[in-house]
């Protein structure tokens, strides 16, 4: 989607994402949905790598994902249909990524090396 003008929003104060942040411990794979928080800080206590499925593609959707685990277990980030979004070994412990959707595909905008 292209913007029709140069007009944007001006914030006089920093935005506050009430209800948009969650820090949680998981013990199994899990699926996100359109109501999932934008900022996901996840600790993996599964005992192995965990699979996180993003919600169905919707234009403008975005999620910050942080692997807050102290173990070496990565997160495999997938579409709701099971296709990999973050390739290779996934999102390693201690790392973060930003994924956004253009309405058709999820894209990795940032991934901590």
PDB file of N, CA and C in Angstrom:
ATOM      1  N   UNK A   1       0.845  -1.178   0.000  1.00  0.00           N
ATOM      2  CA  UNK A   1       0.000   0.000   0.000  1.00  0.00           C
ATOM      3  C   UNK A   1       0.886   1.234   0.000  1.00  0.00           C
ATOM      4  N   UNK A   2       0.622   2.154  -0.871  1.00  0.00           N
ATOM      5  CA  UNK A   2       1.355   3.414  -0.921  1.00  0.00           C
ATOM      6  C   UNK A   2       0.551   4.482  -0.183  1.00  0.00           C
ATOM      7  N   UNK A   3       1.245   5.439   0.373  1.00  0.00           N
ATOM      8  CA  UNK A   3       0.570   6.513   1.079  1.00  0.00           C
ATOM      9  C   UNK A   3       0.221   7.623   0.094  1.00  0.00           C
ATOM     10  N   UNK A   4      -0.967   8.206   0.260  1.00  0.00           N
ATOM     11  CA  UNK A   4      -1.479   9.194  -0.674  1.00  0.00           C
ATOM     12  C   UNK A   4      -0.938  10.597  -0.415  1.00  0.00           C
ATOM     13  N   UNK A   5      -0.348  10.829   0.732  1.00  0.00           N
ATOM     14  CA  UNK A   5       0.165  12.161   1.024  1.00  0.00           C
ATOM     15  C   UNK A   5       1.371  12.043   1.945  1.00  0.00           C
ATOM     16  N   UNK A   6       1.985  13.168   2.193  1.00  0.00           N
ATOM     17  CA  UNK A   6       3.118  13.194   3.107  1.00  0.00           C
ATOM     18  C   UNK A   6       2.680  13.415   4.545  1.00  0.00           C
ATOM     19  N   UNK A   7       1.370  13.575   4.754  1.00  0.00           N
ATOM     20  CA  UNK A   7       0.866  13.807   6.101  1.00  0.00           C
ATOM     21  C   UNK A   7       1.042  12.549   6.933  1.00  0.00           C
ATOM     22  N   UNK A   8       1.568  12.716   8.106  1.00  0.00           N
ATOM     23  CA  UNK A   8       1.746  11.599   9.019  1.00  0.00           C
ATOM     24  C   UNK A   8       1.195  11.975  10.373  1.00  0.00           C
ATOM     25  N   UNK A   9       1.453  11.161  11.340  1.00  0.00           N
ATOM     26  CA  UNK A   9       1.024  11.442  12.698  1.00  0.00           C
ATOM     27  C   UNK A   9       2.195  12.029  13.464  1.00  0.00           C
ATOM     28  N   UNK A  10       1.916  13.038  14.249  1.00  0.00           N
ATOM     29  CA  UNK A  10       2.925  13.643  15.097  1.00  0.00           C
ATOM     30  C   UNK A  10       2.572  13.269  16.529  1.00  0.00           C
ATOM     31  N   UNK A  11       3.541  12.658  17.210  1.00  0.00           N
ATOM     32  CA  UNK A  11       3.334  12.288  18.597  1.00  0.00           C
ATOM     33  C   UNK A  11       4.061  13.291  19.478  1.00  0.00           C
ATOM     34  N   UNK A  12       3.320  13.948  20.342  1.00  0.00           N
ATOM     35  CA  UNK A  12       3.938  14.863  21.282  1.00  0.00           C
ATOM     36  C   UNK A  12       4.522  14.111  22.471  1.00  0.00           C
ATOM     37  N   UNK A  13       4.049  12.914  22.698  1.00  0.00           N
ATOM     38  CA  UNK A  13       4.537  12.053  23.767  1.00  0.00           C
ATOM     39  C   UNK A  13       4.813  10.681  23.172  1.00  0.00           C
ATOM     40  N   UNK A  14       5.616   9.894  23.873  1.00  0.00           N
ATOM     41  CA  UNK A  14       5.908   8.550  23.386  1.00  0.00           C
ATOM     42  C   UNK A  14       4.640   7.693  23.424  1.00  0.00           C
ATOM     43  N   UNK A  15       4.475   6.791  22.474  1.00  0.00           N
ATOM     44  CA  UNK A  15       3.299   5.918  22.502  1.00  0.00           C
ATOM     45  C   UNK A  15       3.416   4.889  23.622  1.00  0.00           C
ATOM     46  N   UNK A  16       2.296   4.521  24.189  1.00  0.00           N
ATOM     47  CA  UNK A  16       2.237   3.496  25.221  1.00  0.00           C
ATOM     48  C   UNK A  16       1.367   2.370  24.684  1.00  0.00           C
ATOM     49  N   UNK A  17       1.915   1.158  24.682  1.00  0.00           N
ATOM     50  CA  UNK A  17       1.206   0.006  24.136  1.00  0.00           C
ATOM     51  C   UNK A  17       0.544  -0.773  25.261  1.00  0.00           C
ATOM     52  N   UNK A  18      -0.550  -0.245  25.785  1.00  0.00           N
ATOM     53  CA  UNK A  18      -1.281  -0.904  26.856  1.00  0.00           C
ATOM     54  C   UNK A  18      -1.822  -2.230  26.337  1.00  0.00           C
ATOM     55  N   UNK A  19      -1.464  -3.295  27.006  1.00  0.00           N
ATOM     56  CA  UNK A  19      -1.933  -4.607  26.591  1.00  0.00           C
ATOM     57  C   UNK A  19      -1.206  -5.155  25.384  1.00  0.00           C
ATOM     58  N   UNK A  20      -0.183  -4.470  24.903  1.00  0.00           N
ATOM     59  CA  UNK A  20       0.511  -4.900  23.697  1.00  0.00           C
ATOM     60  C   UNK A  20       1.805  -5.642  23.952  1.00  0.00           C
ATOM     61  N   UNK A  21       2.103  -5.882  25.242  1.00  0.00           N
ATOM     62  CA  UNK A  21       3.359  -6.532  25.609  1.00  0.00           C
ATOM     63  C   UNK A  21       3.053  -7.722  26.506  1.00  0.00           C
ATOM     64  N   UNK A  22       3.717  -8.834  26.243  1.00  0.00           N
ATOM     65  CA  UNK A  22       3.568  -9.997  27.114  1.00  0.00           C
ATOM     66  C   UNK A  22       4.931 -10.648  27.305  1.00  0.00           C
ATOM     67  N   UNK A  23       5.203 -11.037  28.537  1.00  0.00           N
ATOM     68  CA  UNK A  23       6.378 -11.845  28.864  1.00  0.00           C
ATOM     69  C   UNK A  23       5.832 -13.156  29.396  1.00  0.00           C
ATOM     70  N   UNK A  24       6.206 -14.263  28.751  1.00  0.00           N
ATOM     71  CA  UNK A  24       5.627 -15.536  29.165  1.00  0.00           C
ATOM     72  C   UNK A  24       6.651 -16.649  29.063  1.00  0.00           C
ATOM     73  N   UNK A  25       6.371 -17.718  29.794  1.00  0.00           N
ATOM     74  CA  UNK A  25       7.171 -18.931  29.764  1.00  0.00           C
ATOM     75  C   UNK A  25       6.338 -19.989  29.049  1.00  0.00           C
ATOM     76  N   UNK A  26       6.963 -20.649  28.056  1.00  0.00           N
ATOM     77  CA  UNK A  26       6.242 -21.701  27.340  1.00  0.00           C
ATOM     78  C   UNK A  26       6.894 -23.054  27.612  1.00  0.00           C
ATOM     79  N   UNK A  27       6.057 -24.093  27.566  1.00  0.00           N
ATOM     80  CA  UNK A  27       6.539 -25.459  27.737  1.00  0.00           C
ATOM     81  C   UNK A  27       6.150 -26.326  26.544  1.00  0.00           C
ATOM     82  N   UNK A  28       5.562 -25.688  25.530  1.00  0.00           N
ATOM     83  CA  UNK A  28       5.143 -26.397  24.312  1.00  0.00           C
ATOM     84  C   UNK A  28       5.115 -25.398  23.157  1.00  0.00           C
ATOM     85  N   UNK A  29       5.014 -25.917  21.936  1.00  0.00           N
ATOM     86  CA  UNK A  29       4.842 -25.049  20.766  1.00  0.00           C
ATOM     87  C   UNK A  29       3.557 -24.247  20.960  1.00  0.00           C
ATOM     88  N   UNK A  30       3.463 -23.078  20.298  1.00  0.00           N
ATOM     89  CA  UNK A  30       2.197 -22.356  20.393  1.00  0.00           C
ATOM     90  C   UNK A  30       1.919 -21.565  19.124  1.00  0.00           C
ATOM     91  N   UNK A  31       0.638 -21.305  18.924  1.00  0.00           N
ATOM     92  CA  UNK A  31       0.159 -20.548  17.774  1.00  0.00           C
ATOM     93  C   UNK A  31      -0.317 -19.182  18.242  1.00  0.00           C
ATOM     94  N   UNK A  32       0.140 -18.139  17.550  1.00  0.00           N
ATOM     95  CA  UNK A  32      -0.342 -16.791  17.823  1.00  0.00           C
ATOM     96  C   UNK A  32      -1.612 -16.567  17.004  1.00  0.00           C
ATOM     97  N   UNK A  33      -2.391 -15.556  17.372  1.00  0.00           N
ATOM     98  CA  UNK A  33      -3.550 -15.173  16.570  1.00  0.00           C
ATOM     99  C   UNK A  33      -3.580 -13.656  16.449  1.00  0.00           C
ATOM    100  N   UNK A  34      -4.594 -13.132  15.785  1.00  0.00           N
ATOM    101  CA  UNK A  34      -4.646 -11.691  15.523  1.00  0.00           C
ATOM    102  C   UNK A  34      -4.783 -10.867  16.802  1.00  0.00           C
ATOM    103  N   UNK A  35      -5.107 -11.494  17.915  1.00  0.00           N
ATOM    104  CA  UNK A  35      -5.217 -10.788  19.190  1.00  0.00           C
ATOM    105  C   UNK A  35      -3.941 -10.878  20.011  1.00  0.00           C
ATOM    106  N   UNK A  36      -2.923 -11.552  19.490  1.00  0.00           N
ATOM    107  CA  UNK A  36      -1.656 -11.687  20.216  1.00  0.00           C
ATOM    108  C   UNK A  36      -0.967 -10.334  20.349  1.00  0.00           C
ATOM    109  N   UNK A  37      -0.269 -10.168  21.446  1.00  0.00           N
ATOM    110  CA  UNK A  37       0.425  -8.923  21.722  1.00  0.00           C
ATOM    111  C   UNK A  37       1.512  -8.655  20.686  1.00  0.00           C
ATOM    112  N   UNK A  38       1.757  -7.379  20.406  1.00  0.00           N
ATOM    113  CA  UNK A  38       2.768  -6.968  19.431  1.00  0.00           C
ATOM    114  C   UNK A  38       4.169  -7.325  19.893  1.00  0.00           C
ATOM    115  N   UNK A  39       4.427  -7.204  21.183  1.00  0.00           N
ATOM    116  CA  UNK A  39       5.744  -7.482  21.744  1.00  0.00           C
ATOM    117  C   UNK A  39       5.674  -8.784  22.534  1.00  0.00           C
ATOM    118  N   UNK A  40       6.379  -9.802  22.042  1.00  0.00           N
ATOM    119  CA  UNK A  40       6.384 -11.134  22.646  1.00  0.00           C
ATOM    120  C   UNK A  40       7.765 -11.404  23.236  1.00  0.00           C
ATOM    121  N   UNK A  41       7.853 -11.487  24.565  1.00  0.00           N
ATOM    122  CA  UNK A  41       9.103 -11.822  25.246  1.00  0.00           C
ATOM    123  C   UNK A  41       8.899 -13.223  25.807  1.00  0.00           C
ATOM    124  N   UNK A  42       9.568 -14.201  25.196  1.00  0.00           N
ATOM    125  CA  UNK A  42       9.229 -15.598  25.451  1.00  0.00           C
ATOM    126  C   UNK A  42      10.435 -16.352  26.017  1.00  0.00           C
ATOM    127  N   UNK A  43      10.200 -17.056  27.111  1.00  0.00           N
ATOM    128  CA  UNK A  43      11.195 -17.945  27.693  1.00  0.00           C
ATOM    129  C   UNK A  43      10.761 -19.373  27.397  1.00  0.00           C
ATOM    130  N   UNK A  44      11.661 -20.137  26.788  1.00  0.00           N
ATOM    131  CA  UNK A  44      11.355 -21.509  26.379  1.00  0.00           C
ATOM    132  C   UNK A  44      11.799 -22.490  27.458  1.00  0.00           C
ATOM    133  N   UNK A  45      10.827 -23.114  28.127  1.00  0.00           N
ATOM    134  CA  UNK A  45      11.114 -24.167  29.095  1.00  0.00           C
ATOM    135  C   UNK A  45      10.636 -25.515  28.567  1.00  0.00           C
ATOM    136  N   UNK A  46      10.557 -25.638  27.256  1.00  0.00           N
ATOM    137  CA  UNK A  46      10.082 -26.873  26.627  1.00  0.00           C
ATOM    138  C   UNK A  46      11.113 -27.995  26.741  1.00  0.00           C
ATOM    139  N   UNK A  47      12.389 -27.656  26.771  1.00  0.00           N
ATOM    140  CA  UNK A  47      13.437 -28.659  26.810  1.00  0.00           C
ATOM    141  C   UNK A  47      14.039 -28.932  25.446  1.00  0.00           C
ATOM    142  N   UNK A  48      13.503 -28.297  24.420  1.00  0.00           N
ATOM    143  CA  UNK A  48      14.021 -28.390  23.054  1.00  0.00           C
ATOM    144  C   UNK A  48      13.540 -27.148  22.310  1.00  0.00           C
ATOM    145  N   UNK A  49      13.893 -27.040  21.042  1.00  0.00           N
ATOM    146  CA  UNK A  49      13.419 -25.901  20.252  1.00  0.00           C
ATOM    147  C   UNK A  49      11.894 -25.877  20.218  1.00  0.00           C
ATOM    148  N   UNK A  50      11.336 -24.688  20.185  1.00  0.00           N
ATOM    149  CA  UNK A  50       9.881 -24.525  20.148  1.00  0.00           C
ATOM    150  C   UNK A  50       9.478 -23.910  18.813  1.00  0.00           C
ATOM    151  N   UNK A  51       8.324 -24.297  18.312  1.00  0.00           N
ATOM    152  CA  UNK A  51       7.773 -23.718  17.093  1.00  0.00           C
ATOM    153  C   UNK A  51       6.715 -22.691  17.472  1.00  0.00           C
ATOM    154  N   UNK A  52       6.858 -21.503  16.907  1.00  0.00           N
ATOM    155  CA  UNK A  52       5.884 -20.436  17.113  1.00  0.00           C
ATOM    156  C   UNK A  52       5.276 -20.135  15.757  1.00  0.00           C
ATOM    157  N   UNK A  53       3.957 -20.286  15.647  1.00  0.00           N
ATOM    158  CA  UNK A  53       3.263 -19.987  14.396  1.00  0.00           C
ATOM    159  C   UNK A  53       2.635 -18.605  14.497  1.00  0.00           C
ATOM    160  N   UNK A  54       2.918 -17.786  13.485  1.00  0.00           N
ATOM    161  CA  UNK A  54       2.335 -16.448  13.400  1.00  0.00           C
ATOM    162  C   UNK A  54       0.876 -16.553  12.977  1.00  0.00           C
ATOM    163  N   UNK A  55       0.083 -15.513  13.214  1.00  0.00           N
ATOM    164  CA  UNK A  55      -1.305 -15.542  12.752  1.00  0.00           C
ATOM    165  C   UNK A  55      -1.396 -15.503  11.227  1.00  0.00           C
ATOM    166  N   UNK A  56      -2.584 -15.716  10.710  1.00  0.00           N
ATOM    167  CA  UNK A  56      -2.812 -15.615   9.270  1.00  0.00           C
ATOM    168  C   UNK A  56      -2.372 -14.236   8.787  1.00  0.00           C
ATOM    169  N   UNK A  57      -1.914 -14.177   7.552  1.00  0.00           N
ATOM    170  CA  UNK A  57      -1.392 -12.941   6.984  1.00  0.00           C
ATOM    171  C   UNK A  57      -2.468 -11.851   6.955  1.00  0.00           C
ATOM    172  N   UNK A  58      -2.086 -10.676   7.437  1.00  0.00           N
ATOM    173  CA  UNK A  58      -2.962  -9.509   7.407  1.00  0.00           C
ATOM    174  C   UNK A  58      -2.076  -8.292   7.214  1.00  0.00           C
ATOM    175  N   UNK A  59      -2.389  -7.495   6.199  1.00  0.00           N
ATOM    176  CA  UNK A  59      -1.558  -6.336   5.872  1.00  0.00           C
ATOM    177  C   UNK A  59      -1.357  -5.426   7.079  1.00  0.00           C
ATOM    178  N   UNK A  60      -0.109  -5.096   7.325  1.00  0.00           N
ATOM    179  CA  UNK A  60       0.236  -4.186   8.407  1.00  0.00           C
ATOM    180  C   UNK A  60       0.509  -4.855   9.741  1.00  0.00           C
ATOM    181  N   UNK A  61       0.261  -6.149   9.845  1.00  0.00           N
ATOM    182  CA  UNK A  61       0.542  -6.842  11.101  1.00  0.00           C
ATOM    183  C   UNK A  61       2.041  -6.857  11.348  1.00  0.00           C
ATOM    184  N   UNK A  62       2.428  -6.717  12.612  1.00  0.00           N
ATOM    185  CA  UNK A  62       3.844  -6.770  12.961  1.00  0.00           C
ATOM    186  C   UNK A  62       3.993  -7.322  14.364  1.00  0.00           C
ATOM    187  N   UNK A  63       5.099  -8.033  14.560  1.00  0.00           N
ATOM    188  CA  UNK A  63       5.397  -8.603  15.868  1.00  0.00           C
ATOM    189  C   UNK A  63       6.888  -8.515  16.137  1.00  0.00           C
ATOM    190  N   UNK A  64       7.220  -8.084  17.344  1.00  0.00           N
ATOM    191  CA  UNK A  64       8.582  -8.176  17.854  1.00  0.00           C
ATOM    192  C   UNK A  64       8.625  -9.452  18.673  1.00  0.00           C
ATOM    193  N   UNK A  65       9.573 -10.319  18.374  1.00  0.00           N
ATOM    194  CA  UNK A  65       9.726 -11.589  19.074  1.00  0.00           C
ATOM    195  C   UNK A  65      11.095 -11.616  19.738  1.00  0.00           C
ATOM    196  N   UNK A  66      11.136 -11.895  21.017  1.00  0.00           N
ATOM    197  CA  UNK A  66      12.393 -11.969  21.770  1.00  0.00           C
ATOM    198  C   UNK A  66      12.480 -13.344  22.401  1.00  0.00           C
ATOM    199  N   UNK A  67      13.551 -14.068  22.087  1.00  0.00           N
ATOM    200  CA  UNK A  67      13.814 -15.354  22.710  1.00  0.00           C
ATOM    201  C   UNK A  67      14.575 -15.070  23.997  1.00  0.00           C
ATOM    202  N   UNK A  68      13.885 -15.097  25.108  1.00  0.00           N
ATOM    203  CA  UNK A  68      14.447 -14.724  26.402  1.00  0.00           C
ATOM    204  C   UNK A  68      15.026 -15.924  27.149  1.00  0.00           C
ATOM    205  N   UNK A  69      15.182 -17.033  26.458  1.00  0.00           N
ATOM    206  CA  UNK A  69      15.658 -18.263  27.088  1.00  0.00           C
ATOM    207  C   UNK A  69      17.135 -18.170  27.429  1.00  0.00           C
ATOM    208  N   UNK A  70      17.509 -18.829  28.518  1.00  0.00           N
ATOM    209  CA  UNK A  70      18.919 -18.905  28.873  1.00  0.00           C
ATOM    210  C   UNK A  70      19.546 -20.180  28.307  1.00  0.00           C
ATOM    211  N   UNK A  71      18.710 -21.089  27.823  1.00  0.00           N
ATOM    212  CA  UNK A  71      19.206 -22.326  27.206  1.00  0.00           C
ATOM    213  C   UNK A  71      19.597 -22.053  25.758  1.00  0.00           C
ATOM    214  N   UNK A  72      20.087 -23.058  25.093  1.00  0.00           N
ATOM    215  CA  UNK A  72      20.491 -22.914  23.688  1.00  0.00           C
ATOM    216  C   UNK A  72      19.344 -23.222  22.729  1.00  0.00           C
ATOM    217  N   UNK A  73      18.123 -23.327  23.230  1.00  0.00           N
ATOM    218  CA  UNK A  73      16.998 -23.720  22.382  1.00  0.00           C
ATOM    219  C   UNK A  73      16.438 -22.536  21.600  1.00  0.00           C
ATOM    220  N   UNK A  74      16.423 -22.691  20.292  1.00  0.00           N
ATOM    221  CA  UNK A  74      15.923 -21.644  19.398  1.00  0.00           C
ATOM    222  C   UNK A  74      14.413 -21.742  19.258  1.00  0.00           C
ATOM    223  N   UNK A  75      13.834 -20.711  18.649  1.00  0.00           N
ATOM    224  CA  UNK A  75      12.428 -20.721  18.249  1.00  0.00           C
ATOM    225  C   UNK A  75      12.379 -20.844  16.737  1.00  0.00           C
ATOM    226  N   UNK A  76      11.588 -21.758  16.257  1.00  0.00           N
ATOM    227  CA  UNK A  76      11.324 -21.860  14.833  1.00  0.00           C
ATOM    228  C   UNK A  76      10.071 -21.018  14.588  1.00  0.00           C
ATOM    229  N   UNK A  77      10.206 -19.953  13.806  1.00  0.00           N
ATOM    230  CA  UNK A  77       9.094 -19.049  13.533  1.00  0.00           C
ATOM    231  C   UNK A  77       8.496 -19.437  12.182  1.00  0.00           C
ATOM    232  N   UNK A  78       7.176 -19.735  12.167  1.00  0.00           N
ATOM    233  CA  UNK A  78       6.505 -20.195  10.954  1.00  0.00           C
ATOM    234  C   UNK A  78       5.236 -19.391  10.681  1.00  0.00           C
ATOM    235  N   UNK A  79       4.784 -19.466   9.423  1.00  0.00           N
ATOM    236  CA  UNK A  79       3.469 -18.931   9.072  1.00  0.00           C
ATOM    237  C   UNK A  79       2.421 -19.842   9.686  1.00  0.00           C
ATOM    238  N   UNK A  80       1.171 -19.423   9.633  1.00  0.00           N
ATOM    239  CA  UNK A  80       0.098 -20.269  10.163  1.00  0.00           C
ATOM    240  C   UNK A  80      -0.039 -21.572   9.376  1.00  0.00           C
ATOM    241  N   UNK A  81       0.523 -21.605   8.168  1.00  0.00           N
ATOM    242  CA  UNK A  81       0.471 -22.810   7.338  1.00  0.00           C
ATOM    243  C   UNK A  81       1.717 -23.680   7.496  1.00  0.00           C
ATOM    244  N   UNK A  82       2.685 -23.238   8.321  1.00  0.00           N
ATOM    245  CA  UNK A  82       3.859 -24.045   8.602  1.00  0.00           C
ATOM    246  C   UNK A  82       5.094 -23.740   7.780  1.00  0.00           C
ATOM    247  N   UNK A  83       5.057 -22.690   6.955  1.00  0.00           N
ATOM    248  CA  UNK A  83       6.254 -22.312   6.186  1.00  0.00           C
ATOM    249  C   UNK A  83       7.196 -21.494   7.072  1.00  0.00           C
ATOM    250  N   UNK A  84       8.516 -21.705   6.964  1.00  0.00           N
ATOM    251  CA  UNK A  84       9.446 -20.952   7.812  1.00  0.00           C
ATOM    252  C   UNK A  84       9.462 -19.462   7.458  1.00  0.00           C
ATOM    253  N   UNK A  85       9.508 -18.625   8.477  1.00  0.00           N
ATOM    254  CA  UNK A  85       9.638 -17.179   8.293  1.00  0.00           C
ATOM    255  C   UNK A  85      11.076 -16.772   8.565  1.00  0.00           C
ATOM    256  N   UNK A  86      11.638 -17.306   9.638  1.00  0.00           N
ATOM    257  CA  UNK A  86      13.047 -17.092   9.957  1.00  0.00           C
ATOM    258  C   UNK A  86      13.753 -18.393   9.652  1.00  0.00           C
ATOM    259  N   UNK A  87      14.649 -18.342   8.680  1.00  0.00           N
ATOM    260  CA  UNK A  87      15.321 -19.537   8.207  1.00  0.00           C
ATOM    261  C   UNK A  87      16.459 -19.985   9.106  1.00  0.00           C
ATOM    262  N   UNK A  88      17.177 -20.977   8.631  1.00  0.00           N
ATOM    263  CA  UNK A  88      18.310 -21.512   9.367  1.00  0.00           C
ATOM    264  C   UNK A  88      17.868 -22.181  10.648  1.00  0.00           C
ATOM    265  N   UNK A  89      18.591 -21.902  11.722  1.00  0.00           N
ATOM    266  CA  UNK A  89      18.315 -22.537  13.010  1.00  0.00           C
ATOM    267  C   UNK A  89      17.191 -21.840  13.770  1.00  0.00           C
ATOM    268  N   UNK A  90      16.616 -20.791  13.202  1.00  0.00           N
ATOM    269  CA  UNK A  90      15.542 -20.074  13.878  1.00  0.00           C
ATOM    270  C   UNK A  90      16.071 -18.893  14.673  1.00  0.00           C
ATOM    271  N   UNK A  91      15.303 -18.477  15.656  1.00  0.00           N
ATOM    272  CA  UNK A  91      15.660 -17.334  16.492  1.00  0.00           C
ATOM    273  C   UNK A  91      16.363 -17.869  17.738  1.00  0.00           C
ATOM    274  N   UNK A  92      17.670 -17.651  17.815  1.00  0.00           N
ATOM    275  CA  UNK A  92      18.499 -18.196  18.886  1.00  0.00           C
ATOM    276  C   UNK A  92      18.171 -17.556  20.236  1.00  0.00           C
ATOM    277  N   UNK A  93      18.532 -18.245  21.293  1.00  0.00           N
ATOM    278  CA  UNK A  93      18.342 -17.737  22.647  1.00  0.00           C
ATOM    279  C   UNK A  93      19.034 -16.392  22.803  1.00  0.00           C
ATOM    280  N   UNK A  94      18.336 -15.449  23.443  1.00  0.00           N
ATOM    281  CA  UNK A  94      18.883 -14.120  23.668  1.00  0.00           C
ATOM    282  C   UNK A  94      18.726 -13.167  22.503  1.00  0.00           C
ATOM    283  N   UNK A  95      18.156 -13.616  21.396  1.00  0.00           N
ATOM    284  CA  UNK A  95      18.039 -12.790  20.190  1.00  0.00           C
ATOM    285  C   UNK A  95      16.594 -12.317  19.988  1.00  0.00           C
ATOM    286  N   UNK A  96      16.437 -11.303  19.135  1.00  0.00           N
ATOM    287  CA  UNK A  96      15.123 -10.729  18.845  1.00  0.00           C
ATOM    288  C   UNK A  96      14.966 -10.535  17.346  1.00  0.00           C
ATOM    289  N   UNK A  97      13.714 -10.429  16.909  1.00  0.00           N
ATOM    290  CA  UNK A  97      13.417 -10.187  15.498  1.00  0.00           C
ATOM    291  C   UNK A  97      12.118  -9.406  15.381  1.00  0.00           C
ATOM    292  N   UNK A  98      12.014  -8.648  14.304  1.00  0.00           N
ATOM    293  CA  UNK A  98      10.788  -7.947  13.933  1.00  0.00           C
ATOM    294  C   UNK A  98      10.282  -8.557  12.638  1.00  0.00           C
ATOM    295  N   UNK A  99       9.035  -9.035  12.648  1.00  0.00           N
ATOM    296  CA  UNK A  99       8.420  -9.567  11.435  1.00  0.00           C
ATOM    297  C   UNK A  99       7.193  -8.727  11.111  1.00  0.00           C
ATOM    298  N   UNK A 100       7.003  -8.449   9.816  1.00  0.00           N
ATOM    299  CA  UNK A 100       5.862  -7.653   9.358  1.00  0.00           C
ATOM    300  C   UNK A 100       5.195  -8.369   8.190  1.00  0.00           C
ATOM    301  N   UNK A 101       3.934  -8.026   7.969  1.00  0.00           N
ATOM    302  CA  UNK A 101       3.181  -8.673   6.903  1.00  0.00           C
ATOM    303  C   UNK A 101       2.703  -7.644   5.883  1.00  0.00           C
ATOM    304  N   UNK A 102       2.845  -7.987   4.597  1.00  0.00           N
ATOM    305  CA  UNK A 102       2.366  -7.105   3.527  1.00  0.00           C
ATOM    306  C   UNK A 102       0.972  -7.507   3.043  1.00  0.00           C
ATOM    307  N   UNK A 103       0.347  -8.432   3.736  1.00  0.00           N
ATOM    308  CA  UNK A 103      -0.976  -8.905   3.348  1.00  0.00           C
ATOM    309  C   UNK A 103      -0.928 -10.262   2.677  1.00  0.00           C
ATOM    310  N   UNK A 104       0.243 -10.614   2.143  1.00  0.00           N
ATOM    311  CA  UNK A 104       0.421 -11.895   1.467  1.00  0.00           C
ATOM    312  C   UNK A 104       1.511 -12.725   2.124  1.00  0.00           C
ATOM    313  N   UNK A 105       2.587 -12.061   2.543  1.00  0.00           N
ATOM    314  CA  UNK A 105       3.740 -12.756   3.115  1.00  0.00           C
ATOM    315  C   UNK A 105       4.228 -12.063   4.377  1.00  0.00           C
ATOM    316  N   UNK A 106       4.858 -12.864   5.244  1.00  0.00           N
ATOM    317  CA  UNK A 106       5.570 -12.333   6.399  1.00  0.00           C
ATOM    318  C   UNK A 106       7.007 -12.062   5.978  1.00  0.00           C
ATOM    319  N   UNK A 107       7.556 -10.941   6.432  1.00  0.00           N
ATOM    320  CA  UNK A 107       8.924 -10.561   6.105  1.00  0.00           C
ATOM    321  C   UNK A 107       9.694 -10.262   7.382  1.00  0.00           C
ATOM    322  N   UNK A 108      10.951 -10.650   7.413  1.00  0.00           N
ATOM    323  CA  UNK A 108      11.826 -10.324   8.526  1.00  0.00           C
ATOM    324  C   UNK A 108      12.459  -8.973   8.228  1.00  0.00           C
ATOM    325  N   UNK A 109      12.115  -7.961   9.002  1.00  0.00           N
ATOM    326  CA  UNK A 109      12.667  -6.620   8.817  1.00  0.00           C
ATOM    327  C   UNK A 109      13.971  -6.490   9.599  1.00  0.00           C
ATOM    328  N   UNK A 110      14.006  -7.125  10.751  1.00  0.00           N
ATOM    329  CA  UNK A 110      15.182  -7.074  11.615  1.00  0.00           C
ATOM    330  C   UNK A 110      15.341  -8.417  12.290  1.00  0.00           C
ATOM    331  N   UNK A 111      16.575  -8.903  12.347  1.00  0.00           N
ATOM    332  CA  UNK A 111      16.893 -10.096  13.111  1.00  0.00           C
ATOM    333  C   UNK A 111      18.257  -9.887  13.732  1.00  0.00           C
ATOM    334  N   UNK A 112      18.308  -9.963  15.038  1.00  0.00           N
ATOM    335  CA  UNK A 112      19.557  -9.779  15.776  1.00  0.00           C
ATOM    336  C   UNK A 112      20.522 -10.902  15.431  1.00  0.00           C
ATOM    337  N   UNK A 113      21.726 -10.544  15.070  1.00  0.00           N
ATOM    338  CA  UNK A 113      22.729 -11.542  14.686  1.00  0.00           C
ATOM    339  C   UNK A 113      23.378 -12.183  15.880  1.00  0.00           C
TER     340      UNK A 113
END
